Amino acid sequence: METMTLHRALAEIKLLDKKIAKAIRTLEATGLRQGSLLVNKSKTVADFEKDAKAIFQSIKSMIERKEKIKSAITRKNTETIVTVAGNSMSIADAINRKNNIEQHKMVVNTLRNSYSDSTLHMENRNRLVEERAIDIAKTALQKDHVKIGDNDAVAITKPFVDANKYHLVDPLKASETAEILDNEIAEFEAEIDAVLSEANAMTTLEI
């Protein structure tokens, strides 16, 4: 049984990936020879067979080693609890949240944009409603200068505005929710890398 830190395990996986890729590029699994000449014009049959088997076995061994380390990391990441921005979670969950942070940001942007667009449309349309109410009051009162709150115009404008006014429907409390989520994201991003680095340096696993 071999013990190493998560940091060391992750570093070895990166190194194994490079070695495996290089070995696969150099592997000659098959070759050709003409008569008694060298295989691929470079090696004897014995040397070619020996090298092919050795490189193939090396690739298999490195892949098995990588898979063994990856499995140990997965188990340890699931078991180990860290605290990020005041919230306790497994390393695996913290990594998943970090990888999905852009989707959280997209939610925040959607909430803000929707609230902003709807509020702007509501204000613009309500302005048109008030203008229409004033036009109606002008006609009814036969006056050129009418304001929405004029005493003599209220009886005409208020019922019309009340009946036609646009209202914001905001079941998610979009602006407030966006602000809360944005703060949570900022706190998480400010701590996650340091927390994971510390955890990787201090947490040990067995291979």
C-alpha atoms as a PDB file:
ATOM      1  CA  MET A   1       0.000   0.000   0.000  1.00  0.00           C
ATOM      2  CA  GLU A   2       1.376   3.415  -1.000  1.00  0.00           C
ATOM      3  CA  THR A   3       0.443   6.730   0.655  1.00  0.00           C
ATOM      4  CA  MET A   4       0.590  10.113  -1.036  1.00  0.00           C
ATOM      5  CA  THR A   5      -1.062  13.522  -0.858  1.00  0.00           C
ATOM      6  CA  LEU A   6      -3.799  14.536  -3.262  1.00  0.00           C
ATOM      7  CA  HIS A   7      -1.403  17.109  -4.693  1.00  0.00           C
ATOM      8  CA  ARG A   8       1.175  14.423  -5.443  1.00  0.00           C
ATOM      9  CA  ALA A   9      -1.480  12.130  -6.901  1.00  0.00           C
ATOM     10  CA  LEU A  10      -2.790  14.831  -9.249  1.00  0.00           C
ATOM     11  CA  ALA A  11       0.742  15.687 -10.340  1.00  0.00           C
ATOM     12  CA  GLU A  12       1.482  12.033 -11.102  1.00  0.00           C
ATOM     13  CA  ILE A  13      -1.661  11.732 -13.206  1.00  0.00           C
ATOM     14  CA  LYS A  14      -0.534  14.673 -15.339  1.00  0.00           C
ATOM     15  CA  LEU A  15       2.887  13.083 -15.759  1.00  0.00           C
ATOM     16  CA  LEU A  16       1.352   9.701 -16.619  1.00  0.00           C
ATOM     17  CA  ASP A  17      -0.845  11.308 -19.264  1.00  0.00           C
ATOM     18  CA  LYS A  18       2.246  12.724 -20.969  1.00  0.00           C
ATOM     19  CA  LYS A  19       4.152   9.430 -20.722  1.00  0.00           C
ATOM     20  CA  ILE A  20       1.204   7.383 -21.999  1.00  0.00           C
ATOM     21  CA  ALA A  21       0.685   9.697 -24.972  1.00  0.00           C
ATOM     22  CA  LYS A  22       4.394   9.537 -25.827  1.00  0.00           C
ATOM     23  CA  ALA A  23       4.506   5.734 -25.513  1.00  0.00           C
ATOM     24  CA  ILE A  24       1.443   5.306 -27.732  1.00  0.00           C
ATOM     25  CA  ARG A  25       3.089   7.487 -30.379  1.00  0.00           C
ATOM     26  CA  THR A  26       6.213   5.302 -30.323  1.00  0.00           C
ATOM     27  CA  LEU A  27       4.384   1.953 -30.317  1.00  0.00           C
ATOM     28  CA  GLU A  28       4.885  -0.074 -33.481  1.00  0.00           C
ATOM     29  CA  ALA A  29       2.398  -2.891 -33.003  1.00  0.00           C
ATOM     30  CA  THR A  30       3.009  -4.420 -36.410  1.00  0.00           C
ATOM     31  CA  GLY A  31       5.664  -4.227 -39.078  1.00  0.00           C
ATOM     32  CA  LEU A  32       6.786  -5.625 -42.396  1.00  0.00           C
ATOM     33  CA  ARG A  33       9.925  -7.363 -43.530  1.00  0.00           C
ATOM     34  CA  GLN A  34      10.930  -8.581 -46.915  1.00  0.00           C
ATOM     35  CA  GLY A  35      12.697 -11.890 -47.038  1.00  0.00           C
ATOM     36  CA  SER A  36      15.518 -11.849 -44.531  1.00  0.00           C
ATOM     37  CA  LEU A  37      15.714  -8.038 -44.317  1.00  0.00           C
ATOM     38  CA  LEU A  38      15.031  -5.998 -41.190  1.00  0.00           C
ATOM     39  CA  VAL A  39      11.487  -5.317 -39.981  1.00  0.00           C
ATOM     40  CA  ASN A  40      10.444  -1.883 -41.213  1.00  0.00           C
ATOM     41  CA  LYS A  41      14.016  -1.685 -42.454  1.00  0.00           C
ATOM     42  CA  SER A  42      15.237  -0.919 -38.936  1.00  0.00           C
ATOM     43  CA  LYS A  43      15.040  -3.888 -36.526  1.00  0.00           C
ATOM     44  CA  THR A  44      15.545  -7.618 -36.426  1.00  0.00           C
ATOM     45  CA  VAL A  45      12.412  -9.689 -35.861  1.00  0.00           C
ATOM     46  CA  ALA A  46      13.570 -10.499 -32.313  1.00  0.00           C
ATOM     47  CA  ASP A  47      14.224  -6.844 -31.437  1.00  0.00           C
ATOM     48  CA  PHE A  48      10.990  -5.689 -33.049  1.00  0.00           C
ATOM     49  CA  GLU A  49       8.935  -8.247 -31.101  1.00  0.00           C
ATOM     50  CA  LYS A  50      10.751  -7.442 -27.849  1.00  0.00           C
ATOM     51  CA  ASP A  51      10.262  -3.678 -28.224  1.00  0.00           C
ATOM     52  CA  ALA A  52       6.606  -3.969 -29.235  1.00  0.00           C
ATOM     53  CA  LYS A  53       5.805  -6.168 -26.251  1.00  0.00           C
ATOM     54  CA  ALA A  54       7.783  -3.962 -23.840  1.00  0.00           C
ATOM     55  CA  ILE A  55       6.177  -0.694 -24.976  1.00  0.00           C
ATOM     56  CA  PHE A  56       2.707  -2.280 -25.020  1.00  0.00           C
ATOM     57  CA  GLN A  57       3.178  -3.641 -21.487  1.00  0.00           C
ATOM     58  CA  SER A  58       4.486  -0.260 -20.340  1.00  0.00           C
ATOM     59  CA  ILE A  59       1.405   1.482 -21.739  1.00  0.00           C
ATOM     60  CA  LYS A  60      -0.906  -1.011 -20.024  1.00  0.00           C
ATOM     61  CA  SER A  61       0.917  -0.616 -16.716  1.00  0.00           C
ATOM     62  CA  MET A  62       0.830   3.177 -16.840  1.00  0.00           C
ATOM     63  CA  ILE A  63      -2.891   3.219 -17.703  1.00  0.00           C
ATOM     64  CA  GLU A  64      -3.615   0.800 -14.848  1.00  0.00           C
ATOM     65  CA  ARG A  65      -1.579   2.994 -12.496  1.00  0.00           C
ATOM     66  CA  LYS A  66      -3.430   6.104 -13.611  1.00  0.00           C
ATOM     67  CA  GLU A  67      -6.830   4.439 -13.177  1.00  0.00           C
ATOM     68  CA  LYS A  68      -5.842   3.215  -9.710  1.00  0.00           C
ATOM     69  CA  ILE A  69      -4.783   6.714  -8.640  1.00  0.00           C
ATOM     70  CA  LYS A  70      -7.890   8.288 -10.181  1.00  0.00           C
ATOM     71  CA  SER A  71     -10.140   5.871  -8.289  1.00  0.00           C
ATOM     72  CA  ALA A  72      -8.356   6.673  -5.021  1.00  0.00           C
ATOM     73  CA  ILE A  73      -8.711  10.416  -5.680  1.00  0.00           C
ATOM     74  CA  THR A  74     -12.423  10.022  -6.443  1.00  0.00           C
ATOM     75  CA  ARG A  75     -12.991   8.136  -3.191  1.00  0.00           C
ATOM     76  CA  LYS A  76     -11.007  10.645  -1.142  1.00  0.00           C
ATOM     77  CA  ASN A  77     -12.669  13.655  -2.787  1.00  0.00           C
ATOM     78  CA  THR A  78     -16.061  12.204  -1.898  1.00  0.00           C
ATOM     79  CA  GLU A  79     -15.066  11.509   1.723  1.00  0.00           C
ATOM     80  CA  THR A  80     -13.139  14.695   2.548  1.00  0.00           C
ATOM     81  CA  ILE A  81     -15.144  17.695   3.745  1.00  0.00           C
ATOM     82  CA  VAL A  82     -13.963  21.273   3.191  1.00  0.00           C
ATOM     83  CA  THR A  83     -15.515  24.635   4.036  1.00  0.00           C
ATOM     84  CA  VAL A  84     -15.926  27.214   1.275  1.00  0.00           C
ATOM     85  CA  ALA A  85     -17.548  30.582   1.984  1.00  0.00           C
ATOM     86  CA  GLY A  86     -18.995  29.215   5.212  1.00  0.00           C
ATOM     87  CA  ASN A  87     -20.555  26.144   3.577  1.00  0.00           C
ATOM     88  CA  SER A  88     -19.362  22.603   4.270  1.00  0.00           C
ATOM     89  CA  MET A  89     -19.144  20.258   1.302  1.00  0.00           C
ATOM     90  CA  SER A  90     -17.074  17.415  -0.030  1.00  0.00           C
ATOM     91  CA  ILE A  91     -14.083  18.194  -2.226  1.00  0.00           C
ATOM     92  CA  ALA A  92     -15.980  16.532  -5.084  1.00  0.00           C
ATOM     93  CA  ASP A  93     -18.955  18.845  -4.597  1.00  0.00           C
ATOM     94  CA  ALA A  94     -16.657  21.878  -4.354  1.00  0.00           C
ATOM     95  CA  ILE A  95     -14.976  20.930  -7.634  1.00  0.00           C
ATOM     96  CA  ASN A  96     -18.347  20.361  -9.304  1.00  0.00           C
ATOM     97  CA  ARG A  97     -19.575  23.772  -8.143  1.00  0.00           C
ATOM     98  CA  LYS A  98     -16.380  25.408  -9.412  1.00  0.00           C
ATOM     99  CA  ASN A  99     -16.795  23.722 -12.796  1.00  0.00           C
ATOM    100  CA  ASN A 100     -20.438  24.847 -12.976  1.00  0.00           C
ATOM    101  CA  ILE A 101     -19.893  28.405 -11.725  1.00  0.00           C
ATOM    102  CA  GLU A 102     -20.495  29.890 -15.181  1.00  0.00           C
ATOM    103  CA  GLN A 103     -24.025  28.471 -15.178  1.00  0.00           C
ATOM    104  CA  HIS A 104     -24.671  30.121 -11.815  1.00  0.00           C
ATOM    105  CA  LYS A 105     -23.477  33.405 -13.316  1.00  0.00           C
ATOM    106  CA  MET A 106     -25.792  32.910 -16.287  1.00  0.00           C
ATOM    107  CA  VAL A 107     -28.726  32.556 -13.876  1.00  0.00           C
ATOM    108  CA  VAL A 108     -27.754  35.825 -12.184  1.00  0.00           C
ATOM    109  CA  ASN A 109     -27.508  37.628 -15.524  1.00  0.00           C
ATOM    110  CA  THR A 110     -30.849  36.230 -16.673  1.00  0.00           C
ATOM    111  CA  LEU A 111     -32.574  37.391 -13.475  1.00  0.00           C
ATOM    112  CA  ARG A 112     -31.081  40.870 -13.746  1.00  0.00           C
ATOM    113  CA  ASN A 113     -31.773  41.265 -17.455  1.00  0.00           C
ATOM    114  CA  SER A 114     -35.339  40.029 -17.100  1.00  0.00           C
ATOM    115  CA  TYR A 115     -36.035  42.388 -14.207  1.00  0.00           C
ATOM    116  CA  SER A 116     -34.457  45.334 -16.001  1.00  0.00           C
ATOM    117  CA  ASP A 117     -36.258  44.675 -19.294  1.00  0.00           C
ATOM    118  CA  SER A 118     -39.658  44.127 -17.693  1.00  0.00           C
ATOM    119  CA  THR A 119     -39.313  47.200 -15.464  1.00  0.00           C
ATOM    120  CA  LEU A 120     -38.361  49.371 -18.435  1.00  0.00           C
ATOM    121  CA  HIS A 121     -41.238  48.058 -20.552  1.00  0.00           C
ATOM    122  CA  MET A 122     -43.662  48.573 -17.671  1.00  0.00           C
ATOM    123  CA  GLU A 123     -42.577  52.171 -17.162  1.00  0.00           C
ATOM    124  CA  ASN A 124     -42.769  52.976 -20.879  1.00  0.00           C
ATOM    125  CA  ARG A 125     -46.190  51.380 -21.324  1.00  0.00           C
ATOM    126  CA  ASN A 126     -47.573  53.032 -18.188  1.00  0.00           C
ATOM    127  CA  ARG A 127     -46.382  56.359 -19.522  1.00  0.00           C
ATOM    128  CA  LEU A 128     -48.436  55.713 -22.672  1.00  0.00           C
ATOM    129  CA  VAL A 129     -51.443  54.738 -20.558  1.00  0.00           C
ATOM    130  CA  GLU A 130     -51.202  58.025 -18.647  1.00  0.00           C
ATOM    131  CA  GLU A 131     -50.868  59.975 -21.893  1.00  0.00           C
ATOM    132  CA  ARG A 132     -53.978  58.251 -23.225  1.00  0.00           C
ATOM    133  CA  ALA A 133     -55.831  59.037 -19.969  1.00  0.00           C
ATOM    134  CA  ILE A 134     -54.893  62.718 -20.326  1.00  0.00           C
ATOM    135  CA  ASP A 135     -56.124  62.770 -23.939  1.00  0.00           C
ATOM    136  CA  ILE A 136     -59.444  61.334 -22.813  1.00  0.00           C
ATOM    137  CA  ALA A 137     -59.682  63.902 -19.987  1.00  0.00           C
ATOM    138  CA  LYS A 138     -58.853  66.754 -22.367  1.00  0.00           C
ATOM    139  CA  THR A 139     -61.687  65.711 -24.638  1.00  0.00           C
ATOM    140  CA  ALA A 140     -64.146  65.230 -21.790  1.00  0.00           C
ATOM    141  CA  LEU A 141     -63.234  68.452 -19.993  1.00  0.00           C
ATOM    142  CA  GLN A 142     -62.570  70.407 -23.172  1.00  0.00           C
ATOM    143  CA  LYS A 143     -59.264  71.669 -21.753  1.00  0.00           C
ATOM    144  CA  ASP A 144     -55.865  71.863 -23.421  1.00  0.00           C
ATOM    145  CA  HIS A 145     -53.728  71.595 -20.282  1.00  0.00           C
ATOM    146  CA  VAL A 146     -54.529  68.526 -18.192  1.00  0.00           C
ATOM    147  CA  LYS A 147     -52.328  66.647 -15.747  1.00  0.00           C
ATOM    148  CA  ILE A 148     -52.933  63.126 -14.520  1.00  0.00           C
ATOM    149  CA  GLY A 149     -53.584  64.331 -10.953  1.00  0.00           C
ATOM    150  CA  ASP A 150     -55.655  67.423 -11.644  1.00  0.00           C
ATOM    151  CA  ASN A 151     -58.651  67.523  -9.305  1.00  0.00           C
ATOM    152  CA  ASP A 152     -61.147  67.885 -12.084  1.00  0.00           C
ATOM    153  CA  ALA A 153     -59.421  65.193 -14.182  1.00  0.00           C
ATOM    154  CA  VAL A 154     -58.989  62.495 -11.528  1.00  0.00           C
ATOM    155  CA  ALA A 155     -62.515  61.179 -11.939  1.00  0.00           C
ATOM    156  CA  ILE A 156     -61.701  60.486 -15.597  1.00  0.00           C
ATOM    157  CA  THR A 157     -58.000  59.582 -15.527  1.00  0.00           C
ATOM    158  CA  LYS A 158     -57.888  57.394 -12.416  1.00  0.00           C
ATOM    159  CA  PRO A 159     -60.418  54.742 -13.524  1.00  0.00           C
ATOM    160  CA  PHE A 160     -58.756  54.543 -16.948  1.00  0.00           C
ATOM    161  CA  VAL A 161     -55.226  54.245 -15.481  1.00  0.00           C
ATOM    162  CA  ASP A 162     -56.349  51.692 -12.877  1.00  0.00           C
ATOM    163  CA  ALA A 163     -57.960  49.561 -15.570  1.00  0.00           C
ATOM    164  CA  ASN A 164     -55.062  49.709 -18.030  1.00  0.00           C
ATOM    165  CA  LYS A 165     -51.953  50.090 -15.879  1.00  0.00           C
ATOM    166  CA  TYR A 166     -49.181  47.496 -16.297  1.00  0.00           C
ATOM    167  CA  HIS A 167     -47.909  45.683 -13.196  1.00  0.00           C
ATOM    168  CA  LEU A 168     -44.629  43.808 -12.710  1.00  0.00           C
ATOM    169  CA  VAL A 169     -45.090  40.099 -11.990  1.00  0.00           C
ATOM    170  CA  ASP A 170     -41.974  39.061 -10.069  1.00  0.00           C
ATOM    171  CA  PRO A 171     -42.452  35.664  -8.355  1.00  0.00           C
ATOM    172  CA  LEU A 172     -38.693  35.101  -7.925  1.00  0.00           C
ATOM    173  CA  LYS A 173     -37.965  38.585  -6.577  1.00  0.00           C
ATOM    174  CA  ALA A 174     -35.480  38.675  -9.423  1.00  0.00           C
ATOM    175  CA  SER A 175     -33.410  41.696  -8.430  1.00  0.00           C
ATOM    176  CA  GLU A 176     -33.009  40.653  -4.790  1.00  0.00           C
ATOM    177  CA  THR A 177     -32.342  37.011  -5.675  1.00  0.00           C
ATOM    178  CA  ALA A 178     -29.730  38.006  -8.254  1.00  0.00           C
ATOM    179  CA  GLU A 179     -27.920  40.111  -5.661  1.00  0.00           C
ATOM    180  CA  ILE A 180     -27.894  37.242  -3.145  1.00  0.00           C
ATOM    181  CA  LEU A 181     -26.636  34.735  -5.724  1.00  0.00           C
ATOM    182  CA  ASP A 182     -24.011  37.162  -7.006  1.00  0.00           C
ATOM    183  CA  ASN A 183     -22.619  37.619  -3.491  1.00  0.00           C
ATOM    184  CA  GLU A 184     -22.545  33.852  -2.953  1.00  0.00           C
ATOM    185  CA  ILE A 185     -20.661  33.362  -6.214  1.00  0.00           C
ATOM    186  CA  ALA A 186     -18.141  36.096  -5.350  1.00  0.00           C
ATOM    187  CA  GLU A 187     -17.461  34.586  -1.918  1.00  0.00           C
ATOM    188  CA  PHE A 188     -17.107  31.110  -3.395  1.00  0.00           C
ATOM    189  CA  GLU A 189     -14.706  32.225  -6.124  1.00  0.00           C
ATOM    190  CA  ALA A 190     -12.628  34.189  -3.612  1.00  0.00           C
ATOM    191  CA  GLU A 191     -11.980  31.065  -1.526  1.00  0.00           C
ATOM    192  CA  ILE A 192     -12.298  27.944  -3.670  1.00  0.00           C
ATOM    193  CA  ASP A 193      -8.797  27.811  -5.172  1.00  0.00           C
ATOM    194  CA  ALA A 194      -7.077  28.358  -1.829  1.00  0.00           C
ATOM    195  CA  VAL A 195      -9.318  25.800  -0.108  1.00  0.00           C
ATOM    196  CA  LEU A 196      -8.671  23.151  -2.758  1.00  0.00           C
ATOM    197  CA  SER A 197      -4.922  23.835  -2.761  1.00  0.00           C
ATOM    198  CA  GLU A 198      -4.793  23.470   1.007  1.00  0.00           C
ATOM    199  CA  ALA A 199      -6.880  20.301   0.906  1.00  0.00           C
ATOM    200  CA  ASN A 200      -4.717  18.792  -1.851  1.00  0.00           C
ATOM    201  CA  ALA A 201      -1.564  19.506   0.155  1.00  0.00           C
ATOM    202  CA  MET A 202      -2.863  18.124   3.452  1.00  0.00           C
ATOM    203  CA  THR A 203      -5.134  15.236   2.450  1.00  0.00           C
ATOM    204  CA  THR A 204      -3.487  11.854   1.992  1.00  0.00           C
ATOM    205  CA  LEU A 205      -4.773   8.793   0.183  1.00  0.00           C
ATOM    206  CA  GLU A 206      -3.684   5.206  -0.222  1.00  0.00           C
ATOM    207  CA  ILE A 207      -2.941   3.598  -3.557  1.00  0.00           C
END
